[in-house]
């Protein structure tokens, strides 16, 4: 079975900090639980990265390189390249994801 190396982007740290800060307002325990769920979900990518679906907002523009996994109301956005999986973003699915994603992935 092919194994991939999972790599965090520099932006992901800011994204996760925002997730934790947002949830901590309600419950520190809940924030830690969500953090561990997100971490567990992305760590499983190394054996079967295609499990995530193509990001629908980007697919509408013909951008098919990015996939996502959902953890409660959070979206883990990543890209597969050779033997690497680049985890690029964790965003709140209640936000306008289209604007966030298009800005991050098309203007760089």
Protein backbone atom coordinates (compact mmCIF):
# COMPACT_ATOMS: atom_id res chain seq x y z
CA UNK A 1 0.00 0.00 0.00
CA UNK A 2 1.35 3.40 -1.00
CA UNK A 3 1.98 5.79 1.88
CA UNK A 4 2.07 9.54 1.67
CA UNK A 5 3.79 12.13 3.81
CA UNK A 6 1.39 14.71 5.30
CA UNK A 7 2.73 18.27 5.39
CA UNK A 8 1.10 21.29 7.06
CA UNK A 9 1.15 24.64 5.26
CA UNK A 10 2.22 27.71 7.25
CA UNK A 11 -1.35 29.09 7.10
CA UNK A 12 -2.79 26.05 8.85
CA UNK A 13 -1.35 27.09 12.22
CA UNK A 14 -3.26 30.37 12.05
CA UNK A 15 -6.40 28.54 10.95
CA UNK A 16 -6.20 26.08 13.84
CA UNK A 17 -5.52 28.85 16.33
CA UNK A 18 -8.67 30.63 15.12
CA UNK A 19 -10.68 27.40 15.44
CA UNK A 20 -9.45 26.83 18.99
CA UNK A 21 -9.98 30.46 20.02
CA UNK A 22 -13.51 30.45 18.62
CA UNK A 23 -14.52 27.21 20.33
CA UNK A 24 -12.72 28.02 23.60
CA UNK A 25 -15.21 30.84 24.11
CA UNK A 26 -17.83 28.13 24.67
CA UNK A 27 -15.76 25.33 26.18
CA UNK A 28 -12.07 24.56 26.52
CA UNK A 29 -12.83 20.84 26.61
CA UNK A 30 -14.86 21.09 23.41
CA UNK A 31 -12.05 23.06 21.74
CA UNK A 32 -9.53 20.34 22.61
CA UNK A 33 -11.90 17.61 21.43
CA UNK A 34 -12.37 19.34 18.05
CA UNK A 35 -8.63 19.89 17.72
CA UNK A 36 -7.98 16.18 18.30
CA UNK A 37 -10.70 15.19 15.81
CA UNK A 38 -9.18 17.44 13.15
CA UNK A 39 -5.70 16.09 13.85
CA UNK A 40 -6.91 12.48 13.79
CA UNK A 41 -8.73 13.03 10.50
CA UNK A 42 -5.80 14.55 8.66
CA UNK A 43 -3.33 11.98 10.03
CA UNK A 44 -5.39 9.23 8.39
CA UNK A 45 -4.77 10.81 4.99
CA UNK A 46 -1.34 9.21 4.65
CA UNK A 47 -2.83 5.88 3.58
CA UNK A 48 -5.84 6.91 1.50
CA UNK A 49 -5.76 10.60 0.53
CA UNK A 50 -8.46 10.35 -2.13
CA UNK A 51 -11.09 9.74 0.55
CA UNK A 52 -11.88 13.46 0.59
CA UNK A 53 -14.15 15.00 -2.02
CA UNK A 54 -13.10 17.69 -4.47
CA UNK A 55 -13.88 21.12 -3.02
CA UNK A 56 -17.19 22.08 -4.69
CA UNK A 57 -16.61 25.86 -4.70
CA UNK A 58 -13.34 25.41 -6.57
CA UNK A 59 -14.67 22.67 -8.84
CA UNK A 60 -17.15 25.20 -10.26
CA UNK A 61 -14.11 27.12 -11.58
CA UNK A 62 -12.43 24.01 -12.98
CA UNK A 63 -9.96 23.78 -10.10
CA UNK A 64 -9.80 20.07 -9.30
CA UNK A 65 -6.55 19.76 -7.34
CA UNK A 66 -8.01 20.41 -3.90
CA UNK A 67 -9.92 18.00 -1.68
CA UNK A 68 -11.65 18.34 1.65
CA UNK A 69 -12.55 16.37 4.73
CA UNK A 70 -15.28 17.51 7.09
CA UNK A 71 -14.96 17.44 10.88
CA UNK A 72 -18.21 18.70 12.38
CA UNK A 73 -18.47 22.25 11.01
CA UNK A 74 -14.81 22.49 9.97
CA UNK A 75 -13.37 21.80 6.53
CA UNK A 76 -9.83 20.46 6.12
CA UNK A 77 -8.60 21.46 2.67
CA UNK A 78 -5.64 19.63 1.16
CA UNK A 79 -3.84 18.81 -2.06
CA UNK A 80 -2.16 15.59 -3.19
CA UNK A 81 1.11 15.85 -5.10
CA UNK A 82 3.26 12.79 -5.79
CA UNK A 83 3.88 11.15 -2.38
CA UNK A 84 2.90 14.24 -0.42
CA UNK A 85 -0.33 15.56 1.00
CA UNK A 86 -0.29 19.28 1.69
CA UNK A 87 -2.85 20.30 4.30
CA UNK A 88 -3.59 23.86 3.26
CA UNK A 89 -6.46 25.17 5.31
CA UNK A 90 -8.97 24.52 8.06
CA UNK A 91 -12.01 26.76 7.71
CA UNK A 92 -15.41 27.09 9.30
CA UNK A 93 -18.00 25.73 6.88
CA UNK A 94 -20.43 28.44 8.00
CA UNK A 95 -18.21 31.14 6.49
CA UNK A 96 -18.19 32.12 2.82
CA UNK A 97 -15.78 29.39 1.80
CA UNK A 98 -15.75 30.35 -1.87
CA UNK A 99 -14.17 33.74 -1.22
CA UNK A 100 -11.65 32.37 1.28
CA UNK A 101 -10.57 29.48 -0.94
CA UNK A 102 -10.40 31.38 -4.20
CA UNK A 103 -8.32 34.07 -2.54
CA UNK A 104 -5.90 31.56 -1.04
CA UNK A 105 -5.53 29.20 -3.97
CA UNK A 106 -5.69 31.43 -7.04
CA UNK A 107 -3.80 34.53 -5.94
CA UNK A 108 -0.56 32.87 -4.88
